[in-house]
């Protein structure tokens, strides 16, 4: 299972989901799906924009957890 720690990174960067949505030009609904871990896929271009705005690496946002 891949976990997305977008919420943690937003907190570290003192940024809201709304601010990120505007900065990366992705809807709040789509970012919310990512944030809650309900996304089935993410485009590399979207991940790249998020990383640019949050000044992080993809590995800071994506983590593999083995299924139990």
PDB file of N, CA and C in Angstrom:
ATOM      1  N   UNK A   1       0.847  -1.180   0.000  1.00  0.00           N
ATOM      2  CA  UNK A   1       0.000   0.000   0.000  1.00  0.00           C
ATOM      3  C   UNK A   1       0.893   1.245   0.000  1.00  0.00           C
ATOM      4  N   UNK A   2       0.551   2.201  -0.808  1.00  0.00           N
ATOM      5  CA  UNK A   2       1.280   3.469  -0.857  1.00  0.00           C
ATOM      6  C   UNK A   2       0.505   4.499  -0.041  1.00  0.00           C
ATOM      7  N   UNK A   3       1.173   5.109   0.914  1.00  0.00           N
ATOM      8  CA  UNK A   3       0.561   6.164   1.724  1.00  0.00           C
ATOM      9  C   UNK A   3       1.089   7.517   1.262  1.00  0.00           C
ATOM     10  N   UNK A   4       0.237   8.499   1.306  1.00  0.00           N
ATOM     11  CA  UNK A   4       0.613   9.856   0.907  1.00  0.00           C
ATOM     12  C   UNK A   4       0.543  10.757   2.134  1.00  0.00           C
ATOM     13  N   UNK A   5       1.666  11.359   2.465  1.00  0.00           N
ATOM     14  CA  UNK A   5       1.734  12.198   3.667  1.00  0.00           C
ATOM     15  C   UNK A   5       1.657  13.679   3.303  1.00  0.00           C
ATOM     16  N   UNK A   6       0.703  14.024   2.472  1.00  0.00           N
ATOM     17  CA  UNK A   6       0.529  15.404   2.029  1.00  0.00           C
ATOM     18  C   UNK A   6       0.185  16.316   3.194  1.00  0.00           C
ATOM     19  N   UNK A   7      -0.658  15.853   4.083  1.00  0.00           N
ATOM     20  CA  UNK A   7      -1.077  16.660   5.229  1.00  0.00           C
ATOM     21  C   UNK A   7       0.117  17.037   6.111  1.00  0.00           C
ATOM     22  N   UNK A   8       1.016  16.085   6.332  1.00  0.00           N
ATOM     23  CA  UNK A   8       2.210  16.354   7.145  1.00  0.00           C
ATOM     24  C   UNK A   8       3.088  17.416   6.493  1.00  0.00           C
ATOM     25  N   UNK A   9       3.257  17.302   5.180  1.00  0.00           N
ATOM     26  CA  UNK A   9       4.107  18.259   4.475  1.00  0.00           C
ATOM     27  C   UNK A   9       3.471  19.647   4.459  1.00  0.00           C
ATOM     28  N   UNK A  10       2.156  19.702   4.310  1.00  0.00           N
ATOM     29  CA  UNK A  10       1.468  21.002   4.363  1.00  0.00           C
ATOM     30  C   UNK A  10       1.678  21.663   5.723  1.00  0.00           C
ATOM     31  N   UNK A  11       1.596  20.880   6.771  1.00  0.00           N
ATOM     32  CA  UNK A  11       1.805  21.412   8.127  1.00  0.00           C
ATOM     33  C   UNK A  11       3.232  21.939   8.273  1.00  0.00           C
ATOM     34  N   UNK A  12       4.209  21.176   7.799  1.00  0.00           N
ATOM     35  CA  UNK A  12       5.616  21.600   7.885  1.00  0.00           C
ATOM     36  C   UNK A  12       5.866  22.900   7.127  1.00  0.00           C
ATOM     37  N   UNK A  13       5.133  23.087   6.029  1.00  0.00           N
ATOM     38  CA  UNK A  13       5.335  24.270   5.192  1.00  0.00           C
ATOM     39  C   UNK A  13       4.372  25.412   5.538  1.00  0.00           C
ATOM     40  N   UNK A  14       3.581  25.218   6.593  1.00  0.00           N
ATOM     41  CA  UNK A  14       2.613  26.234   7.031  1.00  0.00           C
ATOM     42  C   UNK A  14       1.718  26.668   5.870  1.00  0.00           C
ATOM     43  N   UNK A  15       1.183  25.680   5.175  1.00  0.00           N
ATOM     44  CA  UNK A  15       0.363  25.940   3.999  1.00  0.00           C
ATOM     45  C   UNK A  15      -0.955  25.184   4.128  1.00  0.00           C
ATOM     46  N   UNK A  16      -2.007  25.767   3.615  1.00  0.00           N
ATOM     47  CA  UNK A  16      -3.307  25.101   3.622  1.00  0.00           C
ATOM     48  C   UNK A  16      -3.514  24.363   2.298  1.00  0.00           C
ATOM     49  N   UNK A  17      -4.471  23.474   2.300  1.00  0.00           N
ATOM     50  CA  UNK A  17      -4.818  22.753   1.081  1.00  0.00           C
ATOM     51  C   UNK A  17      -5.325  23.729   0.023  1.00  0.00           C
ATOM     52  N   UNK A  18      -6.030  24.748   0.450  1.00  0.00           N
ATOM     53  CA  UNK A  18      -6.526  25.769  -0.475  1.00  0.00           C
ATOM     54  C   UNK A  18      -5.368  26.498  -1.151  1.00  0.00           C
ATOM     55  N   UNK A  19      -4.365  26.886  -0.381  1.00  0.00           N
ATOM     56  CA  UNK A  19      -3.198  27.567  -0.949  1.00  0.00           C
ATOM     57  C   UNK A  19      -2.461  26.664  -1.933  1.00  0.00           C
ATOM     58  N   UNK A  20      -2.326  25.393  -1.585  1.00  0.00           N
ATOM     59  CA  UNK A  20      -1.660  24.451  -2.482  1.00  0.00           C
ATOM     60  C   UNK A  20      -2.463  24.275  -3.765  1.00  0.00           C
ATOM     61  N   UNK A  21      -3.770  24.190  -3.635  1.00  0.00           N
ATOM     62  CA  UNK A  21      -4.650  24.043  -4.791  1.00  0.00           C
ATOM     63  C   UNK A  21      -4.442  25.176  -5.791  1.00  0.00           C
ATOM     64  N   UNK A  22      -4.387  26.380  -5.291  1.00  0.00           N
ATOM     65  CA  UNK A  22      -4.177  27.545  -6.156  1.00  0.00           C
ATOM     66  C   UNK A  22      -2.776  27.513  -6.772  1.00  0.00           C
ATOM     67  N   UNK A  23      -1.777  27.181  -5.966  1.00  0.00           N
ATOM     68  CA  UNK A  23      -0.389  27.208  -6.431  1.00  0.00           C
ATOM     69  C   UNK A  23      -0.102  26.162  -7.499  1.00  0.00           C
ATOM     70  N   UNK A  24      -0.727  24.993  -7.404  1.00  0.00           N
ATOM     71  CA  UNK A  24      -0.445  23.935  -8.373  1.00  0.00           C
ATOM     72  C   UNK A  24      -1.532  23.796  -9.431  1.00  0.00           C
ATOM     73  N   UNK A  25      -2.586  24.606  -9.310  1.00  0.00           N
ATOM     74  CA  UNK A  25      -3.698  24.596 -10.257  1.00  0.00           C
ATOM     75  C   UNK A  25      -4.345  23.209 -10.359  1.00  0.00           C
ATOM     76  N   UNK A  26      -4.634  22.643  -9.191  1.00  0.00           N
ATOM     77  CA  UNK A  26      -5.341  21.367  -9.075  1.00  0.00           C
ATOM     78  C   UNK A  26      -6.534  21.617  -8.169  1.00  0.00           C
ATOM     79  N   UNK A  27      -7.667  21.021  -8.503  1.00  0.00           N
ATOM     80  CA  UNK A  27      -8.875  21.283  -7.720  1.00  0.00           C
ATOM     81  C   UNK A  27      -8.721  20.812  -6.273  1.00  0.00           C
ATOM     82  N   UNK A  28      -9.461  21.463  -5.409  1.00  0.00           N
ATOM     83  CA  UNK A  28      -9.486  21.068  -4.001  1.00  0.00           C
ATOM     84  C   UNK A  28      -9.953  19.623  -3.867  1.00  0.00           C
ATOM     85  N   UNK A  29     -10.931  19.246  -4.674  1.00  0.00           N
ATOM     86  CA  UNK A  29     -11.461  17.880  -4.609  1.00  0.00           C
ATOM     87  C   UNK A  29     -10.371  16.856  -4.910  1.00  0.00           C
ATOM     88  N   UNK A  30      -9.583  17.102  -5.942  1.00  0.00           N
ATOM     89  CA  UNK A  30      -8.515  16.161  -6.293  1.00  0.00           C
ATOM     90  C   UNK A  30      -7.410  16.121  -5.238  1.00  0.00           C
ATOM     91  N   UNK A  31      -7.065  17.257  -4.689  1.00  0.00           N
ATOM     92  CA  UNK A  31      -6.052  17.272  -3.624  1.00  0.00           C
ATOM     93  C   UNK A  31      -6.582  16.598  -2.365  1.00  0.00           C
ATOM     94  N   UNK A  32      -7.852  16.766  -2.090  1.00  0.00           N
ATOM     95  CA  UNK A  32      -8.458  16.123  -0.933  1.00  0.00           C
ATOM     96  C   UNK A  32      -8.417  14.604  -1.072  1.00  0.00           C
ATOM     97  N   UNK A  33      -8.663  14.119  -2.284  1.00  0.00           N
ATOM     98  CA  UNK A  33      -8.584  12.679  -2.541  1.00  0.00           C
ATOM     99  C   UNK A  33      -7.161  12.182  -2.300  1.00  0.00           C
ATOM    100  N   UNK A  34      -6.182  12.947  -2.742  1.00  0.00           N
ATOM    101  CA  UNK A  34      -4.781  12.587  -2.478  1.00  0.00           C
ATOM    102  C   UNK A  34      -4.488  12.595  -0.988  1.00  0.00           C
ATOM    103  N   UNK A  35      -4.913  13.651  -0.327  1.00  0.00           N
ATOM    104  CA  UNK A  35      -4.621  13.839   1.091  1.00  0.00           C
ATOM    105  C   UNK A  35      -5.204  12.722   1.951  1.00  0.00           C
ATOM    106  N   UNK A  36      -6.393  12.264   1.597  1.00  0.00           N
ATOM    107  CA  UNK A  36      -7.047  11.233   2.402  1.00  0.00           C
ATOM    108  C   UNK A  36      -6.619   9.819   2.022  1.00  0.00           C
ATOM    109  N   UNK A  37      -5.772   9.705   1.008  1.00  0.00           N
ATOM    110  CA  UNK A  37      -5.279   8.392   0.619  1.00  0.00           C
ATOM    111  C   UNK A  37      -6.242   7.595  -0.238  1.00  0.00           C
ATOM    112  N   UNK A  38      -7.239   8.238  -0.801  1.00  0.00           N
ATOM    113  CA  UNK A  38      -8.234   7.544  -1.608  1.00  0.00           C
ATOM    114  C   UNK A  38      -7.892   7.546  -3.102  1.00  0.00           C
ATOM    115  N   UNK A  39      -6.807   8.198  -3.463  1.00  0.00           N
ATOM    116  CA  UNK A  39      -6.417   8.273  -4.878  1.00  0.00           C
ATOM    117  C   UNK A  39      -5.913   6.916  -5.355  1.00  0.00           C
ATOM    118  N   UNK A  40      -6.290   6.563  -6.555  1.00  0.00           N
ATOM    119  CA  UNK A  40      -5.814   5.326  -7.174  1.00  0.00           C
ATOM    120  C   UNK A  40      -4.594   5.586  -8.043  1.00  0.00           C
ATOM    121  N   UNK A  41      -4.390   6.839  -8.427  1.00  0.00           N
ATOM    122  CA  UNK A  41      -3.260   7.212  -9.277  1.00  0.00           C
ATOM    123  C   UNK A  41      -2.979   8.696  -9.099  1.00  0.00           C
ATOM    124  N   UNK A  42      -1.773   9.075  -9.471  1.00  0.00           N
ATOM    125  CA  UNK A  42      -1.407  10.490  -9.482  1.00  0.00           C
ATOM    126  C   UNK A  42      -0.495  10.709 -10.695  1.00  0.00           C
ATOM    127  N   UNK A  43      -0.758  11.754 -11.439  1.00  0.00           N
ATOM    128  CA  UNK A  43       0.077  12.074 -12.594  1.00  0.00           C
ATOM    129  C   UNK A  43       1.436  12.586 -12.110  1.00  0.00           C
ATOM    130  N   UNK A  44       2.475  12.211 -12.835  1.00  0.00           N
ATOM    131  CA  UNK A  44       3.800  12.713 -12.496  1.00  0.00           C
ATOM    132  C   UNK A  44       3.849  14.225 -12.593  1.00  0.00           C
ATOM    133  N   UNK A  45       3.133  14.797 -13.542  1.00  0.00           N
ATOM    134  CA  UNK A  45       3.138  16.259 -13.681  1.00  0.00           C
ATOM    135  C   UNK A  45       2.519  16.920 -12.445  1.00  0.00           C
ATOM    136  N   UNK A  46       1.486  16.316 -11.890  1.00  0.00           N
ATOM    137  CA  UNK A  46       0.870  16.842 -10.667  1.00  0.00           C
ATOM    138  C   UNK A  46       1.815  16.683  -9.488  1.00  0.00           C
ATOM    139  N   UNK A  47       2.419  15.521  -9.375  1.00  0.00           N
ATOM    140  CA  UNK A  47       3.381  15.280  -8.300  1.00  0.00           C
ATOM    141  C   UNK A  47       4.553  16.250  -8.399  1.00  0.00           C
ATOM    142  N   UNK A  48       5.001  16.508  -9.619  1.00  0.00           N
ATOM    143  CA  UNK A  48       6.102  17.451  -9.828  1.00  0.00           C
ATOM    144  C   UNK A  48       5.721  18.851  -9.352  1.00  0.00           C
ATOM    145  N   UNK A  49       4.519  19.312  -9.703  1.00  0.00           N
ATOM    146  CA  UNK A  49       4.063  20.639  -9.270  1.00  0.00           C
ATOM    147  C   UNK A  49       3.976  20.722  -7.749  1.00  0.00           C
ATOM    148  N   UNK A  50       3.427  19.682  -7.137  1.00  0.00           N
ATOM    149  CA  UNK A  50       3.303  19.663  -5.672  1.00  0.00           C
ATOM    150  C   UNK A  50       4.688  19.736  -5.040  1.00  0.00           C
ATOM    151  N   UNK A  51       5.627  18.965  -5.559  1.00  0.00           N
ATOM    152  CA  UNK A  51       6.987  18.974  -5.016  1.00  0.00           C
ATOM    153  C   UNK A  51       7.666  20.328  -5.198  1.00  0.00           C
ATOM    154  N   UNK A  52       7.430  20.976  -6.338  1.00  0.00           N
ATOM    155  CA  UNK A  52       8.002  22.306  -6.569  1.00  0.00           C
ATOM    156  C   UNK A  52       7.481  23.297  -5.538  1.00  0.00           C
ATOM    157  N   UNK A  53       6.168  23.305  -5.331  1.00  0.00           N
ATOM    158  CA  UNK A  53       5.555  24.271  -4.420  1.00  0.00           C
ATOM    159  C   UNK A  53       5.948  23.989  -2.968  1.00  0.00           C
ATOM    160  N   UNK A  54       5.984  22.710  -2.591  1.00  0.00           N
ATOM    161  CA  UNK A  54       6.292  22.351  -1.199  1.00  0.00           C
ATOM    162  C   UNK A  54       7.793  22.203  -0.954  1.00  0.00           C
ATOM    163  N   UNK A  55       8.605  22.373  -2.010  1.00  0.00           N
ATOM    164  CA  UNK A  55      10.058  22.247  -1.909  1.00  0.00           C
ATOM    165  C   UNK A  55      10.436  20.923  -1.241  1.00  0.00           C
ATOM    166  N   UNK A  56       9.981  19.835  -1.877  1.00  0.00           N
ATOM    167  CA  UNK A  56      10.254  18.512  -1.327  1.00  0.00           C
ATOM    168  C   UNK A  56      10.500  17.530  -2.460  1.00  0.00           C
ATOM    169  N   UNK A  57      10.828  16.321  -2.112  1.00  0.00           N
ATOM    170  CA  UNK A  57      11.036  15.233  -3.057  1.00  0.00           C
ATOM    171  C   UNK A  57       9.814  14.311  -3.025  1.00  0.00           C
ATOM    172  N   UNK A  58       9.553  13.572  -4.112  1.00  0.00           N
ATOM    173  CA  UNK A  58       8.418  12.640  -4.102  1.00  0.00           C
ATOM    174  C   UNK A  58       8.466  11.672  -2.921  1.00  0.00           C
ATOM    175  N   UNK A  59       9.649  11.255  -2.543  1.00  0.00           N
ATOM    176  CA  UNK A  59       9.803  10.344  -1.406  1.00  0.00           C
ATOM    177  C   UNK A  59       9.402  10.958  -0.077  1.00  0.00           C
ATOM    178  N   UNK A  60       9.325  12.273  -0.021  1.00  0.00           N
ATOM    179  CA  UNK A  60       8.850  12.936   1.196  1.00  0.00           C
ATOM    180  C   UNK A  60       7.338  12.806   1.322  1.00  0.00           C
ATOM    181  N   UNK A  61       6.668  12.554   0.208  1.00  0.00           N
ATOM    182  CA  UNK A  61       5.207  12.483   0.178  1.00  0.00           C
ATOM    183  C   UNK A  61       4.669  11.060   0.081  1.00  0.00           C
ATOM    184  N   UNK A  62       5.415  10.173  -0.584  1.00  0.00           N
ATOM    185  CA  UNK A  62       4.948   8.819  -0.843  1.00  0.00           C
ATOM    186  C   UNK A  62       5.730   7.810  -0.020  1.00  0.00           C
ATOM    187  N   UNK A  63       5.005   6.916   0.644  1.00  0.00           N
ATOM    188  CA  UNK A  63       5.631   5.896   1.493  1.00  0.00           C
ATOM    189  C   UNK A  63       4.967   4.555   1.250  1.00  0.00           C
ATOM    190  N   UNK A  64       5.776   3.510   1.130  1.00  0.00           N
ATOM    191  CA  UNK A  64       5.253   2.156   0.940  1.00  0.00           C
ATOM    192  C   UNK A  64       5.069   1.486   2.285  1.00  0.00           C
ATOM    193  N   UNK A  65       3.876   0.924   2.493  1.00  0.00           N
ATOM    194  CA  UNK A  65       3.571   0.149   3.695  1.00  0.00           C
ATOM    195  C   UNK A  65       3.040  -1.205   3.236  1.00  0.00           C
ATOM    196  N   UNK A  66       3.697  -2.283   3.637  1.00  0.00           N
ATOM    197  CA  UNK A  66       3.203  -3.603   3.228  1.00  0.00           C
ATOM    198  C   UNK A  66       1.788  -3.839   3.751  1.00  0.00           C
ATOM    199  N   UNK A  67       0.979  -4.500   2.943  1.00  0.00           N
ATOM    200  CA  UNK A  67      -0.377  -4.875   3.392  1.00  0.00           C
ATOM    201  C   UNK A  67      -0.252  -5.931   4.480  1.00  0.00           C
ATOM    202  N   UNK A  68      -1.157  -5.842   5.442  1.00  0.00           N
ATOM    203  CA  UNK A  68      -1.095  -6.825   6.543  1.00  0.00           C
ATOM    204  C   UNK A  68      -2.020  -7.983   6.262  1.00  0.00           C
TER     205      UNK A  68
END
